[in-house]
Amino acid sequence: MIELSKCFSSFGLSNPIGIKNAMALLFQVNFPKSKSVSTSNWARKALTLPQIQYAAADAYAPVLIFKALLDLNLISADIANITTQ
Protein backbone atom coordinates (compact mmCIF):
# COMPACT_ATOMS: atom_id res chain seq x y z
CA MET A 1 0.00 0.00 0.00
CA ILE A 2 1.28 3.46 -0.86
CA GLU A 3 0.35 6.47 1.24
CA LEU A 4 -0.61 9.13 -1.29
CA SER A 5 -0.19 11.97 1.20
CA LYS A 6 3.52 11.19 1.52
CA CYS A 7 3.94 11.04 -2.25
CA PHE A 8 2.18 14.36 -2.74
CA SER A 9 4.12 16.21 -0.03
CA SER A 10 6.39 17.53 -2.80
CA PHE A 11 3.33 19.44 -4.07
CA GLY A 12 3.23 21.20 -0.70
CA LEU A 13 0.18 19.26 0.41
CA SER A 14 -0.10 17.84 3.89
CA ASN A 15 -3.77 16.86 3.99
CA PRO A 16 -4.91 13.37 3.01
CA ILE A 17 -5.07 12.89 -0.76
CA GLY A 18 -7.62 10.55 -2.28
CA ILE A 19 -7.98 9.15 -5.76
CA LYS A 20 -10.17 12.05 -6.93
CA ASN A 21 -7.63 14.70 -5.89
CA ALA A 22 -4.66 12.67 -7.12
CA MET A 23 -6.26 12.38 -10.57
CA ALA A 24 -6.90 16.13 -10.62
CA LEU A 25 -3.32 16.98 -9.61
CA LEU A 26 -1.59 14.53 -11.92
CA PHE A 27 -3.83 14.57 -14.98
CA GLN A 28 -5.91 17.74 -14.63
CA VAL A 29 -9.11 15.70 -14.99
CA ASN A 30 -12.29 15.56 -12.98
CA PHE A 31 -12.69 12.07 -11.57
CA PRO A 32 -16.37 11.85 -10.73
CA LYS A 33 -17.29 9.68 -7.76
CA SER A 34 -21.05 9.56 -7.75
CA LYS A 35 -22.47 9.24 -4.25
CA SER A 36 -25.66 7.71 -5.63
CA VAL A 37 -23.69 5.00 -7.44
CA SER A 38 -21.23 4.35 -4.62
CA THR A 39 -24.10 3.86 -2.16
CA SER A 40 -26.30 1.86 -4.52
CA ASN A 41 -27.05 -1.84 -4.11
CA TRP A 42 -23.79 -3.63 -4.98
CA ALA A 43 -25.23 -6.98 -3.89
CA ARG A 44 -27.50 -7.12 -6.94
CA LYS A 45 -27.06 -10.17 -9.12
CA ALA A 46 -26.55 -7.94 -12.17
CA LEU A 47 -24.82 -4.61 -11.66
CA THR A 48 -26.09 -1.55 -13.49
CA LEU A 49 -23.98 0.07 -16.20
CA PRO A 50 -23.14 3.04 -13.92
CA GLN A 51 -21.97 0.60 -11.22
CA ILE A 52 -19.75 -1.24 -13.71
CA GLN A 53 -18.29 2.03 -14.98
CA TYR A 54 -17.72 3.24 -11.42
CA ALA A 55 -15.99 0.01 -10.43
CA ALA A 56 -13.80 -0.01 -13.53
CA ALA A 57 -12.71 3.60 -13.02
CA ASP A 58 -12.14 3.03 -9.31
CA ALA A 59 -9.90 0.05 -10.10
CA TYR A 60 -7.98 1.62 -12.99
CA ALA A 61 -7.30 5.06 -11.48
CA PRO A 62 -4.81 3.74 -8.88
CA VAL A 63 -2.84 2.06 -11.69
CA LEU A 64 -2.59 5.39 -13.53
CA ILE A 65 -1.66 7.22 -10.33
CA PHE A 66 1.00 4.65 -9.44
CA LYS A 67 2.58 4.90 -12.91
CA ALA A 68 2.56 8.70 -12.82
CA LEU A 69 4.11 8.80 -9.34
CA LEU A 70 6.79 6.39 -10.48
CA ASP A 71 7.47 8.46 -13.62
CA LEU A 72 7.75 11.61 -11.49
CA ASN A 73 10.11 9.85 -9.07
CA LEU A 74 7.68 10.47 -6.23
CA ILE A 75 7.93 6.80 -5.29
CA SER A 76 11.09 4.80 -5.49
CA ALA A 77 11.72 2.03 -7.98
CA ASP A 78 12.38 -0.23 -4.98
CA ILE A 79 8.79 0.21 -3.83
CA ALA A 80 7.54 -0.38 -7.35
CA ASN A 81 9.47 -3.65 -7.55
CA ILE A 82 8.12 -4.84 -4.22
CA THR A 83 4.50 -3.96 -4.98
CA THR A 84 4.45 -5.48 -8.44
CA GLN A 85 6.00 -8.83 -7.53
PDB file of N, CA and C in Angstrom:
ATOM      1  N   MET A   1       0.844  -1.160   0.000  1.00  0.00           N
ATOM      2  CA  MET A   1       0.000   0.000   0.000  1.00  0.00           C
ATOM      3  C   MET A   1       0.898   1.234   0.000  1.00  0.00           C
ATOM      4  N   ILE A   2       0.510   2.221  -0.773  1.00  0.00           N
ATOM      5  CA  ILE A   2       1.281   3.463  -0.855  1.00  0.00           C
ATOM      6  C   ILE A   2       0.446   4.591  -0.273  1.00  0.00           C
ATOM      7  N   GLU A   3       1.030   5.343   0.629  1.00  0.00           N
ATOM      8  CA  GLU A   3       0.348   6.475   1.245  1.00  0.00           C
ATOM      9  C   GLU A   3       0.475   7.671   0.318  1.00  0.00           C
ATOM     10  N   LEU A   4      -0.644   8.049  -0.321  1.00  0.00           N
ATOM     11  CA  LEU A   4      -0.615   9.132  -1.294  1.00  0.00           C
ATOM     12  C   LEU A   4      -0.177  10.450  -0.677  1.00  0.00           C
ATOM     13  N   SER A   5      -0.567  10.705   0.558  1.00  0.00           N
ATOM     14  CA  SER A   5      -0.191  11.971   1.205  1.00  0.00           C
ATOM     15  C   SER A   5       1.316  12.158   1.238  1.00  0.00           C
ATOM     16  N   LYS A   6       2.055  11.093   1.497  1.00  0.00           N
ATOM     17  CA  LYS A   6       3.516  11.188   1.524  1.00  0.00           C
ATOM     18  C   LYS A   6       4.060  11.467   0.129  1.00  0.00           C
ATOM     19  N   CYS A   7       3.480  10.835  -0.877  1.00  0.00           N
ATOM     20  CA  CYS A   7       3.939  11.035  -2.250  1.00  0.00           C
ATOM     21  C   CYS A   7       3.666  12.460  -2.728  1.00  0.00           C
ATOM     22  N   PHE A   8       2.570  13.035  -2.271  1.00  0.00           N
ATOM     23  CA  PHE A   8       2.183  14.359  -2.743  1.00  0.00           C
ATOM     24  C   PHE A   8       2.727  15.484  -1.867  1.00  0.00           C
ATOM     25  N   SER A   9       3.547  15.163  -0.880  1.00  0.00           N
ATOM     26  CA  SER A   9       4.116  16.207  -0.032  1.00  0.00           C
ATOM     27  C   SER A   9       4.998  17.152  -0.842  1.00  0.00           C
ATOM     28  N   SER A  10       5.568  16.664  -1.953  1.00  0.00           N
ATOM     29  CA  SER A  10       6.392  17.530  -2.805  1.00  0.00           C
ATOM     30  C   SER A  10       5.557  18.603  -3.501  1.00  0.00           C
ATOM     31  N   PHE A  11       4.229  18.430  -3.529  1.00  0.00           N
ATOM     32  CA  PHE A  11       3.334  19.442  -4.072  1.00  0.00           C
ATOM     33  C   PHE A  11       2.980  20.474  -3.003  1.00  0.00           C
ATOM     34  N   GLY A  12       3.529  20.291  -1.797  1.00  0.00           N
ATOM     35  CA  GLY A  12       3.231  21.202  -0.704  1.00  0.00           C
ATOM     36  C   GLY A  12       1.930  20.870   0.002  1.00  0.00           C
ATOM     37  N   LEU A  13       1.443  19.662  -0.197  1.00  0.00           N
ATOM     38  CA  LEU A  13       0.178  19.255   0.407  1.00  0.00           C
ATOM     39  C   LEU A  13       0.440  18.381   1.624  1.00  0.00           C
ATOM     40  N   SER A  14      -0.271  18.659   2.696  1.00  0.00           N
ATOM     41  CA  SER A  14      -0.101  17.839   3.895  1.00  0.00           C
ATOM     42  C   SER A  14      -1.385  17.117   4.279  1.00  0.00           C
ATOM     43  N   ASN A  15      -2.497  17.517   3.696  1.00  0.00           N
ATOM     44  CA  ASN A  15      -3.771  16.865   3.991  1.00  0.00           C
ATOM     45  C   ASN A  15      -3.872  15.547   3.246  1.00  0.00           C
ATOM     46  N   PRO A  16      -4.720  14.648   3.724  1.00  0.00           N
ATOM     47  CA  PRO A  16      -4.905  13.373   3.005  1.00  0.00           C
ATOM     48  C   PRO A  16      -5.348  13.597   1.556  1.00  0.00           C
ATOM     49  N   ILE A  17      -4.771  12.807   0.671  1.00  0.00           N
ATOM     50  CA  ILE A  17      -5.074  12.886  -0.756  1.00  0.00           C
ATOM     51  C   ILE A  17      -5.771  11.594  -1.155  1.00  0.00           C
ATOM     52  N   GLY A  18      -6.906  11.722  -1.783  1.00  0.00           N
ATOM     53  CA  GLY A  18      -7.618  10.548  -2.282  1.00  0.00           C
ATOM     54  C   GLY A  18      -7.444  10.407  -3.785  1.00  0.00           C
ATOM     55  N   ILE A  19      -8.084   9.412  -4.324  1.00  0.00           N
ATOM     56  CA  ILE A  19      -7.981   9.152  -5.761  1.00  0.00           C
ATOM     57  C   ILE A  19      -8.472  10.348  -6.571  1.00  0.00           C
ATOM     58  N   LYS A  20      -9.593  10.922  -6.181  1.00  0.00           N
ATOM     59  CA  LYS A  20     -10.174  12.047  -6.931  1.00  0.00           C
ATOM     60  C   LYS A  20      -9.183  13.214  -7.026  1.00  0.00           C
ATOM     61  N   ASN A  21      -8.582  13.592  -5.890  1.00  0.00           N
ATOM     62  CA  ASN A  21      -7.626  14.703  -5.888  1.00  0.00           C
ATOM     63  C   ASN A  21      -6.322  14.335  -6.587  1.00  0.00           C
ATOM     64  N   ALA A  22      -5.883  13.104  -6.442  1.00  0.00           N
ATOM     65  CA  ALA A  22      -4.659  12.670  -7.122  1.00  0.00           C
ATOM     66  C   ALA A  22      -4.840  12.740  -8.635  1.00  0.00           C
ATOM     67  N   MET A  23      -5.993  12.313  -9.125  1.00  0.00           N
ATOM     68  CA  MET A  23      -6.257  12.382 -10.568  1.00  0.00           C
ATOM     69  C   MET A  23      -6.273  13.834 -11.054  1.00  0.00           C
ATOM     70  N   ALA A  24      -6.853  14.715 -10.252  1.00  0.00           N
ATOM     71  CA  ALA A  24      -6.895  16.132 -10.622  1.00  0.00           C
ATOM     72  C   ALA A  24      -5.496  16.735 -10.669  1.00  0.00           C
ATOM     73  N   LEU A  25      -4.674  16.435  -9.660  1.00  0.00           N
ATOM     74  CA  LEU A  25      -3.318  16.984  -9.606  1.00  0.00           C
ATOM     75  C   LEU A  25      -2.419  16.442 -10.715  1.00  0.00           C
ATOM     76  N   LEU A  26      -2.496  15.151 -10.960  1.00  0.00           N
ATOM     77  CA  LEU A  26      -1.586  14.528 -11.924  1.00  0.00           C
ATOM     78  C   LEU A  26      -2.029  14.675 -13.374  1.00  0.00           C
ATOM     79  N   PHE A  27      -3.333  14.634 -13.591  1.00  0.00           N
ATOM     80  CA  PHE A  27      -3.827  14.570 -14.979  1.00  0.00           C
ATOM     81  C   PHE A  27      -4.763  15.716 -15.348  1.00  0.00           C
ATOM     82  N   GLN A  28      -5.016  16.621 -14.411  1.00  0.00           N
ATOM     83  CA  GLN A  28      -5.913  17.744 -14.631  1.00  0.00           C
ATOM     84  C   GLN A  28      -7.267  17.281 -15.185  1.00  0.00           C
ATOM     85  N   VAL A  29      -7.800  16.227 -14.591  1.00  0.00           N
ATOM     86  CA  VAL A  29      -9.110  15.705 -14.993  1.00  0.00           C
ATOM     87  C   VAL A  29     -10.010  15.635 -13.762  1.00  0.00           C
ATOM     88  N   ASN A  30     -11.296  15.754 -14.027  1.00  0.00           N
ATOM     89  CA  ASN A  30     -12.290  15.556 -12.981  1.00  0.00           C
ATOM     90  C   ASN A  30     -12.600  14.070 -12.922  1.00  0.00           C
ATOM     91  N   PHE A  31     -12.411  13.493 -11.770  1.00  0.00           N
ATOM     92  CA  PHE A  31     -12.688  12.069 -11.574  1.00  0.00           C
ATOM     93  C   PHE A  31     -13.971  11.967 -10.762  1.00  0.00           C
ATOM     94  N   PRO A  32     -15.096  11.852 -11.452  1.00  0.00           N
ATOM     95  CA  PRO A  32     -16.368  11.852 -10.733  1.00  0.00           C
ATOM     96  C   PRO A  32     -16.545  10.591  -9.885  1.00  0.00           C
ATOM     97  N   LYS A  33     -16.990  10.793  -8.672  1.00  0.00           N
ATOM     98  CA  LYS A  33     -17.286   9.676  -7.764  1.00  0.00           C
ATOM     99  C   LYS A  33     -18.713   9.893  -7.278  1.00  0.00           C
ATOM    100  N   SER A  34     -19.639   9.361  -8.028  1.00  0.00           N
ATOM    101  CA  SER A  34     -21.053   9.556  -7.753  1.00  0.00           C
ATOM    102  C   SER A  34     -21.457   8.918  -6.423  1.00  0.00           C
ATOM    103  N   LYS A  35     -21.999   9.737  -5.542  1.00  0.00           N
ATOM    104  CA  LYS A  35     -22.473   9.239  -4.246  1.00  0.00           C
ATOM    105  C   LYS A  35     -23.641   8.273  -4.450  1.00  0.00           C
ATOM    106  N   SER A  36     -24.496   8.588  -5.420  1.00  0.00           N
ATOM    107  CA  SER A  36     -25.656   7.710  -5.634  1.00  0.00           C
ATOM    108  C   SER A  36     -25.230   6.336  -6.141  1.00  0.00           C
ATOM    109  N   VAL A  37     -24.172   6.288  -6.955  1.00  0.00           N
ATOM    110  CA  VAL A  37     -23.693   4.996  -7.443  1.00  0.00           C
ATOM    111  C   VAL A  37     -22.913   4.276  -6.346  1.00  0.00           C
ATOM    112  N   SER A  38     -22.064   5.005  -5.647  1.00  0.00           N
ATOM    113  CA  SER A  38     -21.233   4.350  -4.619  1.00  0.00           C
ATOM    114  C   SER A  38     -22.072   3.775  -3.483  1.00  0.00           C
ATOM    115  N   THR A  39     -23.241   4.355  -3.242  1.00  0.00           N
ATOM    116  CA  THR A  39     -24.096   3.861  -2.161  1.00  0.00           C
ATOM    117  C   THR A  39     -25.267   3.026  -2.677  1.00  0.00           C
ATOM    118  N   SER A  40     -25.224   2.682  -3.955  1.00  0.00           N
ATOM    119  CA  SER A  40     -26.301   1.861  -4.517  1.00  0.00           C
ATOM    120  C   SER A  40     -26.138   0.404  -4.095  1.00  0.00           C
ATOM    121  N   ASN A  41     -27.036  -0.435  -4.509  1.00  0.00           N
ATOM    122  CA  ASN A  41     -27.046  -1.841  -4.109  1.00  0.00           C
ATOM    123  C   ASN A  41     -26.022  -2.646  -4.920  1.00  0.00           C
ATOM    124  N   TRP A  42     -24.857  -2.879  -4.315  1.00  0.00           N
ATOM    125  CA  TRP A  42     -23.790  -3.630  -4.976  1.00  0.00           C
ATOM    126  C   TRP A  42     -23.962  -5.137  -4.805  1.00  0.00           C
ATOM    127  N   ALA A  43     -24.969  -5.555  -4.077  1.00  0.00           N
ATOM    128  CA  ALA A  43     -25.232  -6.978  -3.893  1.00  0.00           C
ATOM    129  C   ALA A  43     -26.167  -7.533  -4.975  1.00  0.00           C
ATOM    130  N   ARG A  44     -26.618  -6.669  -5.860  1.00  0.00           N
ATOM    131  CA  ARG A  44     -27.503  -7.117  -6.945  1.00  0.00           C
ATOM    132  C   ARG A  44     -26.819  -8.198  -7.766  1.00  0.00           C
ATOM    133  N   LYS A  45     -27.621  -9.097  -8.288  1.00  0.00           N
ATOM    134  CA  LYS A  45     -27.065 -10.169  -9.120  1.00  0.00           C
ATOM    135  C   LYS A  45     -26.428  -9.584 -10.377  1.00  0.00           C
ATOM    136  N   ALA A  46     -27.089  -8.620 -10.991  1.00  0.00           N
ATOM    137  CA  ALA A  46     -26.548  -7.937 -12.174  1.00  0.00           C
ATOM    138  C   ALA A  46     -26.343  -6.466 -11.830  1.00  0.00           C
ATOM    139  N   LEU A  47     -25.105  -6.014 -11.935  1.00  0.00           N
ATOM    140  CA  LEU A  47     -24.820  -4.609 -11.665  1.00  0.00           C
ATOM    141  C   LEU A  47     -25.348  -3.745 -12.802  1.00  0.00           C
ATOM    142  N   THR A  48     -25.655  -2.501 -12.476  1.00  0.00           N
ATOM    143  CA  THR A  48     -26.093  -1.551 -13.494  1.00  0.00           C
ATOM    144  C   THR A  48     -24.867  -1.054 -14.265  1.00  0.00           C
ATOM    145  N   LEU A  49     -25.086  -0.472 -15.416  1.00  0.00           N
ATOM    146  CA  LEU A  49     -23.978   0.075 -16.202  1.00  0.00           C
ATOM    147  C   LEU A  49     -23.211   1.141 -15.413  1.00  0.00           C
ATOM    148  N   PRO A  50     -23.896   2.072 -14.729  1.00  0.00           N
ATOM    149  CA  PRO A  50     -23.136   3.043 -13.923  1.00  0.00           C
ATOM    150  C   PRO A  50     -22.283   2.386 -12.833  1.00  0.00           C
ATOM    151  N   GLN A  51     -22.767   1.304 -12.230  1.00  0.00           N
ATOM    152  CA  GLN A  51     -21.968   0.596 -11.223  1.00  0.00           C
ATOM    153  C   GLN A  51     -20.729  -0.030 -11.851  1.00  0.00           C
ATOM    154  N   ILE A  52     -20.893  -0.620 -13.010  1.00  0.00           N
ATOM    155  CA  ILE A  52     -19.755  -1.242 -13.705  1.00  0.00           C
ATOM    156  C   ILE A  52     -18.724  -0.181 -14.083  1.00  0.00           C
ATOM    157  N   GLN A  53     -19.195   0.946 -14.601  1.00  0.00           N
ATOM    158  CA  GLN A  53     -18.286   2.028 -14.981  1.00  0.00           C
ATOM    159  C   GLN A  53     -17.573   2.594 -13.753  1.00  0.00           C
ATOM    160  N   TYR A  54     -18.301   2.744 -12.662  1.00  0.00           N
ATOM    161  CA  TYR A  54     -17.724   3.241 -11.417  1.00  0.00           C
ATOM    162  C   TYR A  54     -16.633   2.285 -10.920  1.00  0.00           C
ATOM    163  N   ALA A  55     -16.953   1.008 -10.903  1.00  0.00           N
ATOM    164  CA  ALA A  55     -15.991   0.008 -10.425  1.00  0.00           C
ATOM    165  C   ALA A  55     -14.747  -0.042 -11.300  1.00  0.00           C
ATOM    166  N   ALA A  56     -14.941   0.033 -12.608  1.00  0.00           N
ATOM    167  CA  ALA A  56     -13.802  -0.007 -13.528  1.00  0.00           C
ATOM    168  C   ALA A  56     -12.901   1.211 -13.324  1.00  0.00           C
ATOM    169  N   ALA A  57     -13.494   2.383 -13.229  1.00  0.00           N
ATOM    170  CA  ALA A  57     -12.712   3.602 -13.022  1.00  0.00           C
ATOM    171  C   ALA A  57     -12.008   3.577 -11.678  1.00  0.00           C
ATOM    172  N   ASP A  58     -12.700   3.088 -10.657  1.00  0.00           N
ATOM    173  CA  ASP A  58     -12.138   3.033  -9.310  1.00  0.00           C
ATOM    174  C   ASP A  58     -10.981   2.035  -9.221  1.00  0.00           C
ATOM    175  N   ALA A  59     -10.995   1.032 -10.078  1.00  0.00           N
ATOM    176  CA  ALA A  59      -9.905   0.053 -10.097  1.00  0.00           C
ATOM    177  C   ALA A  59      -8.735   0.518 -10.959  1.00  0.00           C
ATOM    178  N   TYR A  60      -9.029   1.225 -12.044  1.00  0.00           N
ATOM    179  CA  TYR A  60      -7.983   1.620 -12.987  1.00  0.00           C
ATOM    180  C   TYR A  60      -7.246   2.894 -12.549  1.00  0.00           C
ATOM    181  N   ALA A  61      -7.924   3.797 -11.887  1.00  0.00           N
ATOM    182  CA  ALA A  61      -7.299   5.063 -11.476  1.00  0.00           C
ATOM    183  C   ALA A  61      -6.042   4.848 -10.633  1.00  0.00           C
ATOM    184  N   PRO A  62      -6.037   3.948  -9.653  1.00  0.00           N
ATOM    185  CA  PRO A  62      -4.808   3.744  -8.880  1.00  0.00           C
ATOM    186  C   PRO A  62      -3.632   3.260  -9.730  1.00  0.00           C
ATOM    187  N   VAL A  63      -3.910   2.510 -10.783  1.00  0.00           N
ATOM    188  CA  VAL A  63      -2.842   2.060 -11.686  1.00  0.00           C
ATOM    189  C   VAL A  63      -2.225   3.276 -12.381  1.00  0.00           C
ATOM    190  N   LEU A  64      -3.084   4.169 -12.870  1.00  0.00           N
ATOM    191  CA  LEU A  64      -2.592   5.386 -13.533  1.00  0.00           C
ATOM    192  C   LEU A  64      -1.809   6.261 -12.558  1.00  0.00           C
ATOM    193  N   ILE A  65      -2.325   6.405 -11.348  1.00  0.00           N
ATOM    194  CA  ILE A  65      -1.659   7.219 -10.330  1.00  0.00           C
ATOM    195  C   ILE A  65      -0.297   6.624  -9.975  1.00  0.00           C
ATOM    196  N   PHE A  66      -0.252   5.324  -9.772  1.00  0.00           N
ATOM    197  CA  PHE A  66       1.003   4.647  -9.440  1.00  0.00           C
ATOM    198  C   PHE A  66       2.048   4.880 -10.531  1.00  0.00           C
ATOM    199  N   LYS A  67       1.654   4.708 -11.791  1.00  0.00           N
ATOM    200  CA  LYS A  67       2.584   4.902 -12.911  1.00  0.00           C
ATOM    201  C   LYS A  67       3.073   6.349 -12.960  1.00  0.00           C
ATOM    202  N   ALA A  68       2.173   7.293 -12.786  1.00  0.00           N
ATOM    203  CA  ALA A  68       2.561   8.701 -12.825  1.00  0.00           C
ATOM    204  C   ALA A  68       3.512   9.039 -11.675  1.00  0.00           C
ATOM    205  N   LEU A  69       3.223   8.547 -10.476  1.00  0.00           N
ATOM    206  CA  LEU A  69       4.109   8.805  -9.338  1.00  0.00           C
ATOM    207  C   LEU A  69       5.488   8.196  -9.560  1.00  0.00           C
ATOM    208  N   LEU A  70       5.513   7.041 -10.158  1.00  0.00           N
ATOM    209  CA  LEU A  70       6.785   6.389 -10.481  1.00  0.00           C
ATOM    210  C   LEU A  70       7.548   7.208 -11.521  1.00  0.00           C
ATOM    211  N   ASP A  71       6.843   7.652 -12.565  1.00  0.00           N
ATOM    212  CA  ASP A  71       7.473   8.461 -13.620  1.00  0.00           C
ATOM    213  C   ASP A  71       8.007   9.782 -13.093  1.00  0.00           C
ATOM    214  N   LEU A  72       7.329  10.346 -12.088  1.00  0.00           N
ATOM    215  CA  LEU A  72       7.749  11.615 -11.493  1.00  0.00           C
ATOM    216  C   LEU A  72       8.766  11.428 -10.359  1.00  0.00           C
ATOM    217  N   ASN A  73       9.180  10.185 -10.144  1.00  0.00           N
ATOM    218  CA  ASN A  73      10.113   9.850  -9.067  1.00  0.00           C
ATOM    219  C   ASN A  73       9.583  10.249  -7.689  1.00  0.00           C
ATOM    220  N   LEU A  74       8.276  10.182  -7.522  1.00  0.00           N
ATOM    221  CA  LEU A  74       7.678  10.468  -6.225  1.00  0.00           C
ATOM    222  C   LEU A  74       7.526   9.204  -5.389  1.00  0.00           C
ATOM    223  N   ILE A  75       7.770   8.063  -6.010  1.00  0.00           N
ATOM    224  CA  ILE A  75       7.933   6.805  -5.286  1.00  0.00           C
ATOM    225  C   ILE A  75       9.174   6.146  -5.859  1.00  0.00           C
ATOM    226  N   SER A  76       9.834   5.387  -5.038  1.00  0.00           N
ATOM    227  CA  SER A  76      11.088   4.798  -5.492  1.00  0.00           C
ATOM    228  C   SER A  76      10.845   3.543  -6.317  1.00  0.00           C
ATOM    229  N   ALA A  77      11.790   3.245  -7.164  1.00  0.00           N
ATOM    230  CA  ALA A  77      11.724   2.033  -7.977  1.00  0.00           C
ATOM    231  C   ALA A  77      11.728   0.800  -7.089  1.00  0.00           C
ATOM    232  N   ASP A  78      12.372   0.892  -5.924  1.00  0.00           N
ATOM    233  CA  ASP A  78      12.383  -0.233  -4.982  1.00  0.00           C
ATOM    234  C   ASP A  78      10.972  -0.577  -4.530  1.00  0.00           C
ATOM    235  N   ILE A  79      10.179   0.438  -4.226  1.00  0.00           N
ATOM    236  CA  ILE A  79       8.788   0.210  -3.828  1.00  0.00           C
ATOM    237  C   ILE A  79       8.013  -0.382  -4.983  1.00  0.00           C
ATOM    238  N   ALA A  80       8.240   0.134  -6.171  1.00  0.00           N
ATOM    239  CA  ALA A  80       7.542  -0.379  -7.351  1.00  0.00           C
ATOM    240  C   ALA A  80       7.856  -1.849  -7.563  1.00  0.00           C
ATOM    241  N   ASN A  81       9.095  -2.242  -7.377  1.00  0.00           N
ATOM    242  CA  ASN A  81       9.473  -3.645  -7.553  1.00  0.00           C
ATOM    243  C   ASN A  81       8.821  -4.534  -6.505  1.00  0.00           C
ATOM    244  N   ILE A  82       8.732  -4.057  -5.300  1.00  0.00           N
ATOM    245  CA  ILE A  82       8.117  -4.842  -4.220  1.00  0.00           C
ATOM    246  C   ILE A  82       6.622  -5.002  -4.458  1.00  0.00           C
ATOM    247  N   THR A  83       5.955  -3.924  -4.858  1.00  0.00           N
ATOM    248  CA  THR A  83       4.504  -3.962  -4.976  1.00  0.00           C
ATOM    249  C   THR A  83       4.027  -4.674  -6.227  1.00  0.00           C
ATOM    250  N   THR A  84       4.882  -4.824  -7.211  1.00  0.00           N
ATOM    251  CA  THR A  84       4.447  -5.480  -8.444  1.00  0.00           C
ATOM    252  C   THR A  84       4.855  -6.939  -8.515  1.00  0.00           C
ATOM    253  N   GLN A  85       5.570  -7.425  -7.515  1.00  0.00           N
ATOM    254  CA  GLN A  85       5.996  -8.830  -7.526  1.00  0.00           C
ATOM    255  C   GLN A  85       4.950  -9.719  -6.904  1.00  0.00           C
TER     256      GLN A  85
END
